[in-house]
Amino acid sequence: AQIEALGCLESDENIQYLLLGDFSDGPHAHQKEDDGIVASTRAMIQGMNARAGWDKYAYLHRPRTFLKADNRWMGFDRKRGALMALNRVLMGVEGAESAFEVVGSACERLKGRFAFVVTLDADTRLLPGTVQKLIGTLAHPLNRPSDGRGYAVLQPQMELMPSACVNAFVRLFAGSGGVNTYPVSVSNFWQDLTG
């Protein structure tokens, strides 16, 4: 698994990896393949931990919730919702583990243990030592929230794969794939709007 490859490159025992899972959207809250997905993923994580020699990897999975507007069952608020639910678990909010009732056994060992979360997607490339640099940047006094509350967010440099430039709209707003997009990209509207 890709998460294990990233973990093998990182020897710092203060860095652990968590796989957040959501089922695919569906017409029902529970699909026949759901139990198999959870069981095989749980077994994969257990195997990875056995090879690592300690609990380096964890797995949390959310159930589907009904979204009335789409008339579909899905992970609430998708990726954003999963990260919000994870943050509540990490902060030790009472009852937060219920968001991961499908497989919530890891919630207890995650509570109150981590000050930083680095979110990786399937296509993220992460060189050894990068996590420490990101955490160092986040922990720097100039990057802390000024009122003592809130969050600091970093957006690492992103490059589009050439295969991602599938139409004129994407090429217009993201530039040509396979090159550094920062010198040629237009500004991000929501960042301009919120300052």
N, C-alpha and C. Protein backbone atom coordinates (compact mmCIF):
# COMPACT_ATOMS: atom_id res chain seq x y z
N ALA A 1 0.84 -1.19 0.00
CA ALA A 1 0.00 0.00 0.00
C ALA A 1 0.88 1.25 0.00
N GLN A 2 0.39 2.30 -0.60
CA GLN A 2 1.14 3.54 -0.71
C GLN A 2 1.43 4.16 0.65
N ILE A 3 0.48 4.05 1.58
CA ILE A 3 0.67 4.62 2.91
C ILE A 3 1.83 3.91 3.63
N GLU A 4 2.00 2.62 3.40
CA GLU A 4 3.12 1.91 4.01
C GLU A 4 4.44 2.34 3.39
N ALA A 5 4.45 2.59 2.10
CA ALA A 5 5.67 3.06 1.44
C ALA A 5 6.10 4.40 2.03
N LEU A 6 5.15 5.30 2.27
CA LEU A 6 5.47 6.58 2.90
C LEU A 6 5.99 6.37 4.31
N GLY A 7 5.36 5.48 5.04
CA GLY A 7 5.78 5.20 6.41
C GLY A 7 7.16 4.57 6.49
N CYS A 8 7.50 3.74 5.53
CA CYS A 8 8.83 3.11 5.52
C CYS A 8 9.93 4.13 5.29
N LEU A 9 9.61 5.21 4.58
CA LEU A 9 10.60 6.25 4.32
C LEU A 9 10.80 7.17 5.51
N GLU A 10 9.88 7.13 6.48
CA GLU A 10 9.92 8.04 7.62
C GLU A 10 10.22 7.26 8.89
N SER A 11 11.39 7.51 9.49
CA SER A 11 11.80 6.76 10.68
C SER A 11 11.45 7.47 11.98
N ASP A 12 10.97 8.69 11.92
CA ASP A 12 10.63 9.46 13.12
C ASP A 12 9.41 8.82 13.80
N GLU A 13 9.58 8.37 15.04
CA GLU A 13 8.49 7.69 15.76
C GLU A 13 7.41 8.66 16.24
N ASN A 14 7.63 9.96 16.07
CA ASN A 14 6.59 10.93 16.41
C ASN A 14 5.60 11.11 15.26
N ILE A 15 5.88 10.52 14.14
CA ILE A 15 5.00 10.63 12.97
C ILE A 15 4.29 9.31 12.77
N GLN A 16 2.96 9.38 12.77
CA GLN A 16 2.15 8.20 12.54
C GLN A 16 1.22 8.46 11.36
N TYR A 17 0.68 7.41 10.81
CA TYR A 17 -0.15 7.50 9.61
C TYR A 17 -1.54 6.96 9.90
N LEU A 18 -2.53 7.69 9.43
CA LEU A 18 -3.92 7.32 9.63
C LEU A 18 -4.62 7.29 8.28
N LEU A 19 -5.30 6.21 8.01
CA LEU A 19 -6.11 6.10 6.81
C LEU A 19 -7.55 6.42 7.18
N LEU A 20 -8.09 7.49 6.59
CA LEU A 20 -9.49 7.86 6.80
C LEU A 20 -10.31 7.31 5.65
N GLY A 21 -11.33 6.53 5.97
CA GLY A 21 -12.11 5.91 4.91
C GLY A 21 -13.56 6.37 4.90
N ASP A 22 -14.08 6.48 3.70
CA ASP A 22 -15.51 6.69 3.45
C ASP A 22 -15.94 5.67 2.41
N PHE A 23 -17.13 5.15 2.56
CA PHE A 23 -17.66 4.27 1.53
C PHE A 23 -18.06 5.09 0.31
N SER A 24 -18.14 4.45 -0.84
CA SER A 24 -18.63 5.15 -2.02
C SER A 24 -20.10 5.50 -1.83
N ASP A 25 -20.56 6.52 -2.54
CA ASP A 25 -21.96 6.91 -2.46
C ASP A 25 -22.84 5.74 -2.87
N GLY A 26 -24.01 5.67 -2.29
CA GLY A 26 -24.89 4.57 -2.65
C GLY A 26 -26.35 4.86 -2.36
N PRO A 27 -27.22 3.99 -2.81
CA PRO A 27 -28.65 4.18 -2.59
C PRO A 27 -29.12 3.76 -1.20
N HIS A 28 -28.25 3.09 -0.43
CA HIS A 28 -28.61 2.61 0.90
C HIS A 28 -27.49 2.93 1.89
N ALA A 29 -27.81 2.91 3.17
CA ALA A 29 -26.82 3.19 4.20
C ALA A 29 -25.76 2.11 4.25
N HIS A 30 -26.14 0.87 3.98
CA HIS A 30 -25.20 -0.24 4.03
C HIS A 30 -25.28 -1.02 2.72
N GLN A 31 -24.13 -1.28 2.12
CA GLN A 31 -24.05 -2.07 0.89
C GLN A 31 -23.43 -3.43 1.23
N LYS A 32 -23.68 -4.41 0.40
CA LYS A 32 -23.20 -5.76 0.71
C LYS A 32 -21.68 -5.86 0.77
N GLU A 33 -20.95 -5.00 0.04
CA GLU A 33 -19.48 -5.08 0.02
C GLU A 33 -18.82 -4.32 1.18
N ASP A 34 -19.59 -3.56 1.95
CA ASP A 34 -19.03 -2.71 3.00
C ASP A 34 -18.22 -3.49 4.03
N ASP A 35 -18.77 -4.58 4.53
CA ASP A 35 -18.08 -5.35 5.57
C ASP A 35 -16.76 -5.90 5.07
N GLY A 36 -16.73 -6.33 3.81
CA GLY A 36 -15.49 -6.85 3.23
C GLY A 36 -14.43 -5.77 3.10
N ILE A 37 -14.85 -4.56 2.73
CA ILE A 37 -13.92 -3.44 2.61
C ILE A 37 -13.28 -3.14 3.97
N VAL A 38 -14.11 -3.05 5.00
CA VAL A 38 -13.61 -2.75 6.34
C VAL A 38 -12.70 -3.86 6.84
N ALA A 39 -13.10 -5.10 6.66
CA ALA A 39 -12.31 -6.24 7.16
C ALA A 39 -10.95 -6.31 6.46
N SER A 40 -10.94 -6.14 5.14
CA SER A 40 -9.66 -6.25 4.43
C SER A 40 -8.75 -5.06 4.74
N THR A 41 -9.32 -3.88 4.91
CA THR A 41 -8.50 -2.71 5.24
C THR A 41 -7.95 -2.84 6.65
N ARG A 42 -8.78 -3.30 7.57
CA ARG A 42 -8.33 -3.51 8.96
C ARG A 42 -7.19 -4.52 8.99
N ALA A 43 -7.32 -5.61 8.23
CA ALA A 43 -6.26 -6.63 8.16
C ALA A 43 -4.99 -6.05 7.55
N MET A 44 -5.13 -5.20 6.53
CA MET A 44 -3.98 -4.57 5.90
C MET A 44 -3.22 -3.69 6.90
N ILE A 45 -3.97 -2.89 7.69
CA ILE A 45 -3.35 -2.01 8.68
C ILE A 45 -2.66 -2.84 9.76
N GLN A 46 -3.28 -3.91 10.21
CA GLN A 46 -2.66 -4.78 11.21
C GLN A 46 -1.37 -5.38 10.68
N GLY A 47 -1.36 -5.80 9.43
CA GLY A 47 -0.15 -6.34 8.81
C GLY A 47 0.95 -5.30 8.71
N MET A 48 0.58 -4.08 8.35
CA MET A 48 1.56 -3.01 8.25
C MET A 48 2.18 -2.72 9.62
N ASN A 49 1.35 -2.69 10.66
CA ASN A 49 1.85 -2.46 12.01
C ASN A 49 2.76 -3.59 12.47
N ALA A 50 2.42 -4.82 12.10
CA ALA A 50 3.26 -5.96 12.46
C ALA A 50 4.63 -5.84 11.79
N ARG A 51 4.65 -5.42 10.53
CA ARG A 51 5.93 -5.26 9.83
C ARG A 51 6.72 -4.08 10.39
N ALA A 52 6.03 -3.03 10.83
CA ALA A 52 6.71 -1.87 11.40
C ALA A 52 7.22 -2.15 12.82
N GLY A 53 6.59 -3.09 13.51
CA GLY A 53 6.99 -3.43 14.87
C GLY A 53 6.35 -2.56 15.94
N TRP A 54 5.43 -1.69 15.57
CA TRP A 54 4.70 -0.85 16.52
C TRP A 54 3.47 -0.29 15.80
N ASP A 55 2.58 0.36 16.55
CA ASP A 55 1.34 0.89 15.97
C ASP A 55 1.60 2.20 15.24
N LYS A 56 2.22 2.11 14.10
CA LYS A 56 2.56 3.28 13.28
C LYS A 56 1.38 3.71 12.42
N TYR A 57 0.49 2.78 12.13
CA TYR A 57 -0.64 3.04 11.22
C TYR A 57 -1.96 2.82 11.95
N ALA A 58 -2.93 3.61 11.59
CA ALA A 58 -4.28 3.47 12.17
C ALA A 58 -5.30 3.62 11.05
N TYR A 59 -6.51 3.23 11.34
CA TYR A 59 -7.58 3.24 10.34
C TYR A 59 -8.89 3.66 10.99
N LEU A 60 -9.53 4.65 10.42
CA LEU A 60 -10.87 5.06 10.84
C LEU A 60 -11.75 5.12 9.61
N HIS A 61 -13.00 4.72 9.77
CA HIS A 61 -13.92 4.69 8.63
C HIS A 61 -15.29 5.21 9.07
N ARG A 62 -15.84 6.08 8.26
CA ARG A 62 -17.14 6.67 8.60
C ARG A 62 -18.28 5.94 7.89
N PRO A 63 -19.43 5.87 8.52
CA PRO A 63 -20.60 5.32 7.84
C PRO A 63 -21.17 6.34 6.87
N ARG A 64 -22.03 5.88 6.00
CA ARG A 64 -22.74 6.80 5.11
C ARG A 64 -23.84 7.51 5.90
N THR A 65 -24.10 8.76 5.51
CA THR A 65 -25.26 9.49 6.03
C THR A 65 -26.11 9.90 4.84
N PHE A 66 -27.38 10.11 5.10
CA PHE A 66 -28.28 10.43 4.00
C PHE A 66 -28.22 11.91 3.67
N LEU A 67 -27.95 12.22 2.42
CA LEU A 67 -27.93 13.60 1.94
C LEU A 67 -29.20 13.82 1.14
N LYS A 68 -30.13 14.52 1.74
CA LYS A 68 -31.46 14.70 1.15
C LYS A 68 -31.41 15.39 -0.20
N ALA A 69 -30.54 16.40 -0.35
CA ALA A 69 -30.48 17.17 -1.60
C ALA A 69 -30.12 16.29 -2.79
N ASP A 70 -29.27 15.28 -2.57
CA ASP A 70 -28.87 14.39 -3.66
C ASP A 70 -29.60 13.05 -3.63
N ASN A 71 -30.40 12.83 -2.59
CA ASN A 71 -31.11 11.57 -2.42
C ASN A 71 -30.13 10.39 -2.46
N ARG A 72 -28.98 10.56 -1.80
CA ARG A 72 -27.92 9.55 -1.78
C ARG A 72 -27.38 9.39 -0.36
N TRP A 73 -26.84 8.23 -0.10
CA TRP A 73 -26.12 7.95 1.14
C TRP A 73 -24.63 8.11 0.85
N MET A 74 -23.93 8.91 1.67
CA MET A 74 -22.51 9.17 1.42
C MET A 74 -21.83 9.62 2.70
N GLY A 75 -20.51 9.71 2.65
CA GLY A 75 -19.75 10.24 3.78
C GLY A 75 -20.07 11.71 3.94
N PHE A 76 -20.53 12.11 5.13
CA PHE A 76 -20.97 13.49 5.36
C PHE A 76 -19.87 14.48 5.00
N ASP A 77 -20.19 15.40 4.13
CA ASP A 77 -19.32 16.50 3.72
C ASP A 77 -17.98 16.02 3.15
N ARG A 78 -17.96 14.78 2.70
CA ARG A 78 -16.82 14.16 2.03
C ARG A 78 -15.50 14.37 2.77
N LYS A 79 -14.46 14.78 2.07
CA LYS A 79 -13.12 14.91 2.67
C LYS A 79 -13.10 15.94 3.79
N ARG A 80 -13.73 17.07 3.57
CA ARG A 80 -13.78 18.13 4.58
C ARG A 80 -14.44 17.61 5.85
N GLY A 81 -15.54 16.89 5.70
CA GLY A 81 -16.25 16.34 6.85
C GLY A 81 -15.42 15.31 7.60
N ALA A 82 -14.68 14.48 6.86
CA ALA A 82 -13.82 13.48 7.50
C ALA A 82 -12.74 14.15 8.32
N LEU A 83 -12.14 15.21 7.78
CA LEU A 83 -11.09 15.92 8.51
C LEU A 83 -11.65 16.66 9.73
N MET A 84 -12.84 17.22 9.60
CA MET A 84 -13.46 17.88 10.75
C MET A 84 -13.74 16.87 11.86
N ALA A 85 -14.25 15.69 11.47
CA ALA A 85 -14.54 14.65 12.45
C ALA A 85 -13.25 14.16 13.11
N LEU A 86 -12.19 14.00 12.32
CA LEU A 86 -10.90 13.59 12.87
C LEU A 86 -10.38 14.63 13.86
N ASN A 87 -10.47 15.90 13.53
CA ASN A 87 -10.01 16.95 14.44
C ASN A 87 -10.75 16.90 15.77
N ARG A 88 -12.05 16.61 15.72
CA ARG A 88 -12.81 16.51 16.97
C ARG A 88 -12.30 15.34 17.81
N VAL A 89 -11.96 14.22 17.15
CA VAL A 89 -11.40 13.08 17.88
C VAL A 89 -10.05 13.46 18.49
N LEU A 90 -9.19 14.10 17.69
CA LEU A 90 -7.85 14.46 18.17
C LEU A 90 -7.91 15.44 19.34
N MET A 91 -8.91 16.32 19.34
CA MET A 91 -9.05 17.29 20.43
C MET A 91 -9.76 16.70 21.64
N GLY A 92 -10.23 15.46 21.53
CA GLY A 92 -10.87 14.80 22.66
C GLY A 92 -12.28 15.25 22.93
N VAL A 93 -12.98 15.73 21.89
CA VAL A 93 -14.36 16.17 22.05
C VAL A 93 -15.23 14.96 22.42
N GLU A 94 -16.02 15.11 23.45
CA GLU A 94 -16.90 14.03 23.92
C GLU A 94 -17.82 13.54 22.80
N GLY A 95 -17.83 12.24 22.56
CA GLY A 95 -18.69 11.64 21.56
C GLY A 95 -18.18 11.73 20.13
N ALA A 96 -17.00 12.30 19.91
CA ALA A 96 -16.48 12.48 18.56
C ALA A 96 -16.24 11.16 17.84
N GLU A 97 -15.95 10.11 18.62
CA GLU A 97 -15.67 8.83 17.99
C GLU A 97 -16.89 8.23 17.29
N SER A 98 -18.08 8.72 17.59
CA SER A 98 -19.29 8.21 16.94
C SER A 98 -19.29 8.48 15.43
N ALA A 99 -18.51 9.47 14.97
CA ALA A 99 -18.42 9.74 13.54
C ALA A 99 -17.72 8.59 12.81
N PHE A 100 -16.99 7.77 13.56
CA PHE A 100 -16.25 6.66 12.96
C PHE A 100 -16.76 5.34 13.49
N GLU A 101 -18.07 5.23 13.67
CA GLU A 101 -18.63 4.05 14.31
C GLU A 101 -18.43 2.78 13.49
N VAL A 102 -18.13 2.90 12.19
CA VAL A 102 -17.89 1.71 11.39
C VAL A 102 -16.69 0.95 11.93
N VAL A 103 -15.61 1.68 12.21
CA VAL A 103 -14.42 1.08 12.81
C VAL A 103 -13.75 2.18 13.63
N GLY A 104 -14.10 2.25 14.90
CA GLY A 104 -13.62 3.35 15.72
C GLY A 104 -12.62 2.95 16.78
N SER A 105 -12.04 1.77 16.64
CA SER A 105 -11.15 1.26 17.69
C SER A 105 -9.90 2.12 17.85
N ALA A 106 -9.49 2.84 16.82
CA ALA A 106 -8.28 3.66 16.91
C ALA A 106 -8.53 5.00 17.58
N CYS A 107 -9.79 5.39 17.73
CA CYS A 107 -10.10 6.72 18.28
C CYS A 107 -9.47 6.95 19.64
N GLU A 108 -9.53 5.96 20.51
CA GLU A 108 -9.04 6.14 21.88
C GLU A 108 -7.55 6.42 21.91
N ARG A 109 -6.78 5.74 21.06
CA ARG A 109 -5.33 5.96 21.10
C ARG A 109 -4.91 7.22 20.35
N LEU A 110 -5.83 7.88 19.65
CA LEU A 110 -5.51 9.12 18.94
C LEU A 110 -5.83 10.37 19.75
N LYS A 111 -6.75 10.25 20.71
CA LYS A 111 -7.22 11.41 21.47
C LYS A 111 -6.09 12.17 22.14
N GLY A 112 -6.03 13.46 21.90
CA GLY A 112 -5.12 14.35 22.58
C GLY A 112 -3.64 14.12 22.34
N ARG A 113 -3.28 13.32 21.35
CA ARG A 113 -1.87 12.96 21.16
C ARG A 113 -1.18 13.76 20.08
N PHE A 114 -1.90 14.41 19.20
CA PHE A 114 -1.26 15.02 18.04
C PHE A 114 -1.62 16.50 17.92
N ALA A 115 -0.61 17.31 17.71
CA ALA A 115 -0.82 18.75 17.55
C ALA A 115 -0.90 19.15 16.09
N PHE A 116 -0.41 18.31 15.19
CA PHE A 116 -0.37 18.65 13.77
C PHE A 116 -0.94 17.53 12.94
N VAL A 117 -1.65 17.91 11.88
CA VAL A 117 -2.20 16.95 10.93
C VAL A 117 -1.72 17.36 9.55
N VAL A 118 -1.11 16.43 8.85
CA VAL A 118 -0.69 16.65 7.46
C VAL A 118 -1.57 15.75 6.61
N THR A 119 -2.34 16.35 5.73
CA THR A 119 -3.28 15.60 4.90
C THR A 119 -2.62 15.22 3.58
N LEU A 120 -2.66 13.95 3.27
CA LEU A 120 -2.08 13.45 2.02
C LEU A 120 -3.18 12.83 1.18
N ASP A 121 -3.10 13.07 -0.11
CA ASP A 121 -3.99 12.42 -1.06
C ASP A 121 -3.26 11.26 -1.71
N ALA A 122 -3.97 10.47 -2.48
CA ALA A 122 -3.37 9.30 -3.11
C ALA A 122 -2.21 9.67 -4.04
N ASP A 123 -2.25 10.86 -4.62
CA ASP A 123 -1.20 11.25 -5.55
C ASP A 123 -0.12 12.14 -4.93
N THR A 124 -0.12 12.27 -3.60
CA THR A 124 0.87 13.10 -2.92
C THR A 124 2.23 12.40 -2.91
N ARG A 125 3.25 13.16 -3.28
CA ARG A 125 4.63 12.67 -3.14
C ARG A 125 5.23 13.38 -1.94
N LEU A 126 5.80 12.61 -1.05
CA LEU A 126 6.32 13.18 0.19
C LEU A 126 7.72 12.62 0.44
N LEU A 127 8.73 13.47 0.31
CA LEU A 127 10.11 13.03 0.53
C LEU A 127 10.40 12.93 2.03
N PRO A 128 11.33 12.06 2.43
CA PRO A 128 11.70 11.96 3.85
C PRO A 128 12.14 13.32 4.39
N GLY A 129 11.68 13.65 5.59
CA GLY A 129 12.03 14.93 6.21
C GLY A 129 11.07 16.05 5.90
N THR A 130 10.17 15.86 4.94
CA THR A 130 9.24 16.91 4.55
C THR A 130 8.25 17.21 5.66
N VAL A 131 7.77 16.18 6.35
CA VAL A 131 6.79 16.39 7.42
C VAL A 131 7.39 17.27 8.51
N GLN A 132 8.63 17.01 8.89
CA GLN A 132 9.28 17.82 9.92
C GLN A 132 9.39 19.28 9.47
N LYS A 133 9.69 19.51 8.19
CA LYS A 133 9.78 20.89 7.68
C LYS A 133 8.41 21.57 7.72
N LEU A 134 7.36 20.85 7.35
CA LEU A 134 6.01 21.41 7.39
C LEU A 134 5.62 21.75 8.82
N ILE A 135 5.89 20.84 9.75
CA ILE A 135 5.56 21.08 11.15
C ILE A 135 6.37 22.25 11.70
N GLY A 136 7.64 22.34 11.33
CA GLY A 136 8.46 23.46 11.75
C GLY A 136 7.90 24.79 11.27
N THR A 137 7.39 24.81 10.05
CA THR A 137 6.78 26.02 9.51
C THR A 137 5.50 26.36 10.26
N LEU A 138 4.68 25.36 10.51
CA LEU A 138 3.43 25.59 11.23
C LEU A 138 3.67 26.05 12.66
N ALA A 139 4.72 25.52 13.30
CA ALA A 139 5.01 25.85 14.69
C ALA A 139 5.70 27.19 14.85
N HIS A 140 6.18 27.76 13.77
CA HIS A 140 6.88 29.04 13.86
C HIS A 140 5.95 30.12 14.41
N PRO A 141 6.43 30.97 15.32
CA PRO A 141 5.56 31.99 15.94
C PRO A 141 4.83 32.89 14.95
N LEU A 142 5.42 33.18 13.80
CA LEU A 142 4.75 34.04 12.82
C LEU A 142 3.56 33.37 12.14
N ASN A 143 3.49 32.05 12.24
CA ASN A 143 2.40 31.33 11.59
C ASN A 143 1.32 30.88 12.56
N ARG A 144 1.45 31.25 13.82
CA ARG A 144 0.42 30.90 14.80
C ARG A 144 -0.74 31.88 14.71
N PRO A 145 -1.96 31.43 14.99
CA PRO A 145 -3.11 32.34 15.00
C PRO A 145 -2.87 33.47 16.01
N SER A 146 -3.20 34.68 15.64
CA SER A 146 -2.87 35.84 16.47
C SER A 146 -3.68 35.91 17.76
N ASP A 147 -4.87 35.36 17.79
CA ASP A 147 -5.68 35.44 19.00
C ASP A 147 -5.56 34.18 19.87
N GLY A 148 -4.62 33.31 19.52
CA GLY A 148 -4.41 32.10 20.31
C GLY A 148 -5.37 30.97 19.99
N ARG A 149 -6.29 31.22 19.07
CA ARG A 149 -7.23 30.17 18.65
C ARG A 149 -7.14 30.03 17.15
N GLY A 150 -7.64 28.93 16.65
CA GLY A 150 -7.70 28.75 15.20
C GLY A 150 -6.63 27.79 14.71
N TYR A 151 -6.39 27.85 13.41
CA TYR A 151 -5.50 26.89 12.77
C TYR A 151 -4.61 27.61 11.77
N ALA A 152 -3.43 27.08 11.57
CA ALA A 152 -2.57 27.51 10.49
C ALA A 152 -2.67 26.46 9.40
N VAL A 153 -2.77 26.89 8.16
CA VAL A 153 -2.92 25.97 7.04
C VAL A 153 -1.84 26.27 6.02
N LEU A 154 -1.14 25.25 5.57
CA LEU A 154 -0.14 25.39 4.52
C LEU A 154 -0.63 24.70 3.27
N GLN A 155 -0.33 25.26 2.13
CA GLN A 155 -0.63 24.64 0.84
C GLN A 155 0.70 24.42 0.13
N PRO A 156 1.23 23.19 0.17
CA PRO A 156 2.50 22.95 -0.51
C PRO A 156 2.39 23.17 -2.01
N GLN A 157 3.54 23.34 -2.66
CA GLN A 157 3.54 23.53 -4.10
C GLN A 157 2.89 22.34 -4.77
N MET A 158 2.06 22.62 -5.74
CA MET A 158 1.35 21.56 -6.46
C MET A 158 1.71 21.61 -7.93
N GLU A 159 1.83 20.45 -8.52
CA GLU A 159 2.03 20.34 -9.95
C GLU A 159 0.95 19.43 -10.50
N LEU A 160 0.40 19.82 -11.62
CA LEU A 160 -0.59 18.97 -12.27
C LEU A 160 0.08 17.93 -13.14
N MET A 161 -0.47 16.75 -13.12
CA MET A 161 -0.02 15.73 -14.06
C MET A 161 -0.55 16.13 -15.44
N PRO A 162 0.20 15.88 -16.49
CA PRO A 162 -0.31 16.22 -17.83
C PRO A 162 -1.67 15.60 -18.12
N SER A 163 -1.93 14.42 -17.55
CA SER A 163 -3.21 13.74 -17.79
C SER A 163 -4.38 14.46 -17.13
N ALA A 164 -4.10 15.39 -16.17
CA ALA A 164 -5.17 16.11 -15.48
C ALA A 164 -5.73 17.26 -16.31
N CYS A 165 -5.00 17.69 -17.32
CA CYS A 165 -5.44 18.81 -18.17
C CYS A 165 -6.33 18.28 -19.27
N VAL A 166 -7.57 17.99 -18.90
CA VAL A 166 -8.48 17.29 -19.81
C VAL A 166 -9.33 18.20 -20.69
N ASN A 167 -9.42 19.48 -20.35
CA ASN A 167 -10.25 20.37 -21.16
C ASN A 167 -9.72 21.80 -21.09
N ALA A 168 -10.32 22.67 -21.88
CA ALA A 168 -9.86 24.06 -21.97
C ALA A 168 -10.01 24.80 -20.64
N PHE A 169 -11.07 24.50 -19.88
CA PHE A 169 -11.29 25.16 -18.60
C PHE A 169 -10.13 24.88 -17.64
N VAL A 170 -9.74 23.61 -17.51
CA VAL A 170 -8.65 23.24 -16.63
C VAL A 170 -7.35 23.88 -17.09
N ARG A 171 -7.09 23.86 -18.40
CA ARG A 171 -5.86 24.47 -18.91
C ARG A 171 -5.84 25.97 -18.66
N LEU A 172 -6.99 26.63 -18.76
CA LEU A 172 -7.06 28.08 -18.55
C LEU A 172 -6.73 28.44 -17.10
N PHE A 173 -7.31 27.71 -16.15
CA PHE A 173 -7.15 28.07 -14.74
C PHE A 173 -5.95 27.40 -14.06
N ALA A 174 -5.47 26.30 -14.60
CA ALA A 174 -4.39 25.58 -13.93
C ALA A 174 -3.08 25.59 -14.70
N GLY A 175 -3.07 26.06 -15.90
CA GLY A 175 -1.85 26.04 -16.69
C GLY A 175 -1.64 24.69 -17.33
N SER A 176 -0.51 24.53 -17.96
CA SER A 176 -0.25 23.27 -18.63
C SER A 176 0.35 22.28 -17.65
N GLY A 177 -0.05 21.06 -17.74
CA GLY A 177 0.40 20.04 -16.80
C GLY A 177 1.84 19.64 -17.02
N GLY A 178 2.43 19.09 -15.94
CA GLY A 178 3.79 18.60 -16.03
C GLY A 178 4.86 19.65 -15.81
N VAL A 179 4.46 20.88 -15.54
CA VAL A 179 5.42 21.95 -15.28
C VAL A 179 5.05 22.63 -13.97
N ASN A 180 5.93 23.44 -13.46
CA ASN A 180 5.65 24.21 -12.26
C ASN A 180 4.54 25.20 -12.58
N THR A 181 3.40 25.10 -11.90
CA THR A 181 2.23 25.91 -12.23
C THR A 181 2.26 27.30 -11.61
N TYR A 182 3.12 27.55 -10.64
CA TYR A 182 3.05 28.81 -9.91
C TYR A 182 3.36 30.05 -10.75
N PRO A 183 4.34 30.03 -11.64
CA PRO A 183 4.59 31.23 -12.42
C PRO A 183 3.48 31.54 -13.43
N VAL A 184 2.67 30.54 -13.78
CA VAL A 184 1.67 30.75 -14.84
C VAL A 184 0.24 30.67 -14.36
N SER A 185 0.00 30.33 -13.10
CA SER A 185 -1.39 30.15 -12.65
C SER A 185 -2.03 31.49 -12.29
N VAL A 186 -3.35 31.54 -12.44
CA VAL A 186 -4.09 32.72 -12.00
C VAL A 186 -4.34 32.59 -10.51
N SER A 187 -4.75 33.67 -9.87
CA SER A 187 -4.96 33.63 -8.43
C SER A 187 -6.15 32.74 -8.08
N ASN A 188 -6.15 32.31 -6.84
CA ASN A 188 -7.24 31.48 -6.35
C ASN A 188 -8.32 32.40 -5.80
N PHE A 189 -9.52 32.32 -6.36
CA PHE A 189 -10.59 33.27 -6.05
C PHE A 189 -10.90 33.32 -4.55
N TRP A 190 -11.07 32.14 -3.90
CA TRP A 190 -11.46 32.16 -2.49
C TRP A 190 -10.36 32.73 -1.62
N GLN A 191 -9.09 32.55 -2.00
CA GLN A 191 -8.01 33.13 -1.21
C GLN A 191 -8.00 34.66 -1.39
N ASP A 192 -8.25 35.13 -2.61
CA ASP A 192 -8.32 36.58 -2.84
C ASP A 192 -9.49 37.18 -2.05
N LEU A 193 -10.61 36.48 -2.06
CA LEU A 193 -11.82 36.98 -1.41
C LEU A 193 -11.66 37.07 0.10
N THR A 194 -10.99 36.09 0.70
CA THR A 194 -10.87 36.07 2.16
C THR A 194 -9.58 36.69 2.67
N GLY A 195 -8.73 37.14 1.76
CA GLY A 195 -7.49 37.80 2.17
C GLY A 195 -6.47 36.81 2.64
